[in-house]
Amino acid sequence: MQAERIRIRGIVQGVGFRPLVWRIAHDLAVTGSVLNDGEGVLIEAQSSADNLEHFLKRIQNEIPPLAQIASIERESIELSTQADFQIIASHYSNAHTHIAADAATCAECVKEIFDPSSCRYHYPFTNCTHCGPRLSIVTGIPYDRAQTTMQAFALCADCAAEYHNPADRRFHAQPNACTVCGPQVWFETATEKIHGYAAIQACAEQIKQGQIVVIKGLGGMHLAVDARNVQALISLRARKHRPAKPLALMAKNLEQIEQFCVVNAAEKAALESAAAPIVLLGRKPDCPLSQIIAPNQKLIGFMLPYTPLHHLLMQLLEQPIVLTSGNISGEPQCISNEQSLAQLSQIADAQLLHNRAIANRVDDSVLRFMAGEMRVLRRARGFAPKPLNLPQGFEQAPKVLAFGGELKNTFCLLDQGQAILSQHHGDLANYPTLQDVQQHLSLYQTLYQYQPEIVAVDKHPNYHISQWGRNWAAERDLFVIEVQHHHAHIAACLAENAYPLSVENVLGIVLDGTGYGSDHSLWGGEFLRANYIGFERLAYLKPVHLFGGQEAILQPWKMAFAHLYATGAWAQIERDFAEIDALKYMPRASIKTFIAMAERGFNCPLTSSVGRLFDAVAALLGICYKRAVSYEGQAAIELEACVEMSLYQQVQGYPFAFEDDQLDPSPMWLALLADLATGQSRALIATRFHKGLAQSLVKLATQLATQQQLSTIVLSGGVFQNRILLEAVYDGLKDQFTVLTHRQVPANDGGLALGQAAITAAQLIGVK
């Protein structure tokens, strides 16, 4: 016989870990105890040496669905006289454990809500330790019912019995409830309130009749309409002032999704996972869904029901529904009933609400299958705040708080070799979103008892988040490290791929919209030799003017002119291609002004952005030409949708030149204009552009990596969310180099905070 104290760290609380240990111990006749504390789970176990090994292997092999083991530590202790195995009261000191992400309803709970013999028949808040709300309801530590929004609901005798029974799957399930003691749902119209399951039935009827309804979800409100009702879709877009941005859909099951989209095995697994994200799927050629759902797109974002309320509602409907964020345009998603009734009544005809409060706003996550793997485009519900384990050596770093970027903001807490990346917050153009960040940072500090020792921000002097981060640090007398935007992109990719903490350099190709460069210009098409500590700019896309500054991002025709002007042959282009529609409609007065601005260097900063290159090509093809873009990346996204893969292998890519460390698209423009002049199709031109850009990136990367003797290439930045470009560049490099890409963390600015934290930590470790 021998006895051990076993420390298990990770996501091991509130996920059914202790009852698992208890059951395995009873199976194997192991004696001792298990408890939760501030470090995670602590086990004292006594048996034969072989049996203890078997005990620990079973724990690792049978961990609950929502659990994640970060580390296991073992030490010998003295034998005791204890004759059984017990779950004992929790001990809490400093918190170093983790909160689980919100999880989709498990199969057992779904079965119960449709079982007439179950006490939870038709109950829309059914959950257990394997599923249900976590981050969205937590308010403090330790994670127990009193520290969640469920504290308002006292357990009835039956639920309490489940809660206290280690053999029950609801043992210490903090949101546990039933119709007797738990939250209640109602459907509210201008004239009446309907309660209980009848409320869900009434909501379904309203959707069938073409009405717009609010549905209170796990982490916020959604607006819902029948996805097959064109007039309802038009009304939703008009009332929400959302003219073009794609709308997400919810289907009742996978079979319904497959009526409209092609779904591969990886996409199916993602849809049916505990995270239950939105997955971007390819439309079938005969897909009957209106283009109003995703204008000028070949992809549709689908998700499956992830709460009992969604399951009950979708069972009553024959068609999928649009389920898009419930917010006023530009504002964060509503989370309270009062806010929803005040703000969304001008959009929705009725509201399906309930009285379980949402403590923390959590958007739906978004994934896309690219280059053979599922990749996170937006990391929120189902993923945050799961920790990311960093490469060995980062545990030596002080606590770093990174504030992230201005767009698609997340923040990051780095401590003890792990990174906690917050949920997606969105764009910080409005103050309510910044308030959301502030509230969540305060929560995360409480949950993890986290006091940073140093702060990291983006180097951009005018980012709201960076300004607030500097002020926040100054109030606490903390030192601030400013991190260059594209260096952070590379470091984020290195960190999520567990690239060793060393001075070994990689070649980073970072393609995005704009980021503040070391030379004070706006970068976005960068080839950097980099490691965690520093970088050197080796090459970049030839810079062009951003006429009117940020204004040009909203009007792609301005980027088209900027690129054509940068060829140095504008007069010839204007003469030789005067009959091309895109050139014909360019306002000559504005062009005259832009030329004067360029000559004087007034209000037209230079940018090497590949994102703006996509805008320019899109504009010449008539995409977003006579109207401003209505959401970030719209022109580039619609340009990708124009590509015909059946043409890809047949056509020649447009040529690019490379001179003086610059990738120059001038030859591409002349060839593209010639195609336009001869009436070539939009599909052919878009395909030739993608192929030519990919080929030029592969050629230049190969040349630079060979010259610099670099064996690893990193692909990052929001432009690499373009599947055609990512796959072409990846395939072109993978046989000769190790190519690192994003999977768990977005390639866009949603991953910046991780990179900022990794760079700051590495620099401080390097100083020691």
Foldseek 3Di string as FASTA:
>chain_A
DFKKKKFWAFQAPLQLLQLVLQVLCVVLQWAWEWAQEQRGIITITDDDPVSVVVSVVCSVVPPAQQTDTPDMDMDTDDDDPTRHYYYDYHYYDFHDHDWTFAFFADPVQLVQCCDPVHQAPQPQQAHFSRHGHIQQFAQFPPPALCRGLFVVWDEDPVQVVLCCDSVHRRPRNRQHDGPVTGKWKWKFFPPDIGTGSVRLVVVLVCQVVLFWEWEADRQFIWIKHFQQDVVSLVLLCVLQVPQAAAFAKEALDPVQVVLFFDADPQNNCCQPGGQQFFEWTFTDPPHNGDCSNHPLFRTHTYHYHRTSSRNSNNVSDPGMMGIHACDRPPAHGHFDPVVCVVGVVSRGRMYIDMPRGGPAHWDGWYWYDFLHHIFTAFATGNHAFRKAAFAPPLQPFFWEWEFFFQAQTWIWTDHRRIIGIHGTQGHPPDDNSVVSRVVVVVSVCRHNVDDGQAYEYAPDPPRPSRVVRVVVCVVVVHYYDHDWQQLLLQLLLCGNVNPHLDFAWAWEFFAAAWTQDPVRFTEGGFTWTDDLADIDTQAFADKWWQAQPPVCQFALLVLLLRLQVVLVCVVVCCVPLVPQPLSVPDDPVVVVVRVVCVVVVHNITIYRHPLSVLSNLLCSLVHCHVHTDPDHSRSNSSLLSLADPVCQVPDAAQAWDADPRHTRCSSSVVVLSVCSSVPHDSRNSSSSPLNNVLVVVLVVSVVVCVVVVHQEYEYAEPSCVSNSSVNSNCVSPVVRHHYTYGHSAHSYSSSSNVSRRSSVRSNVSVVD
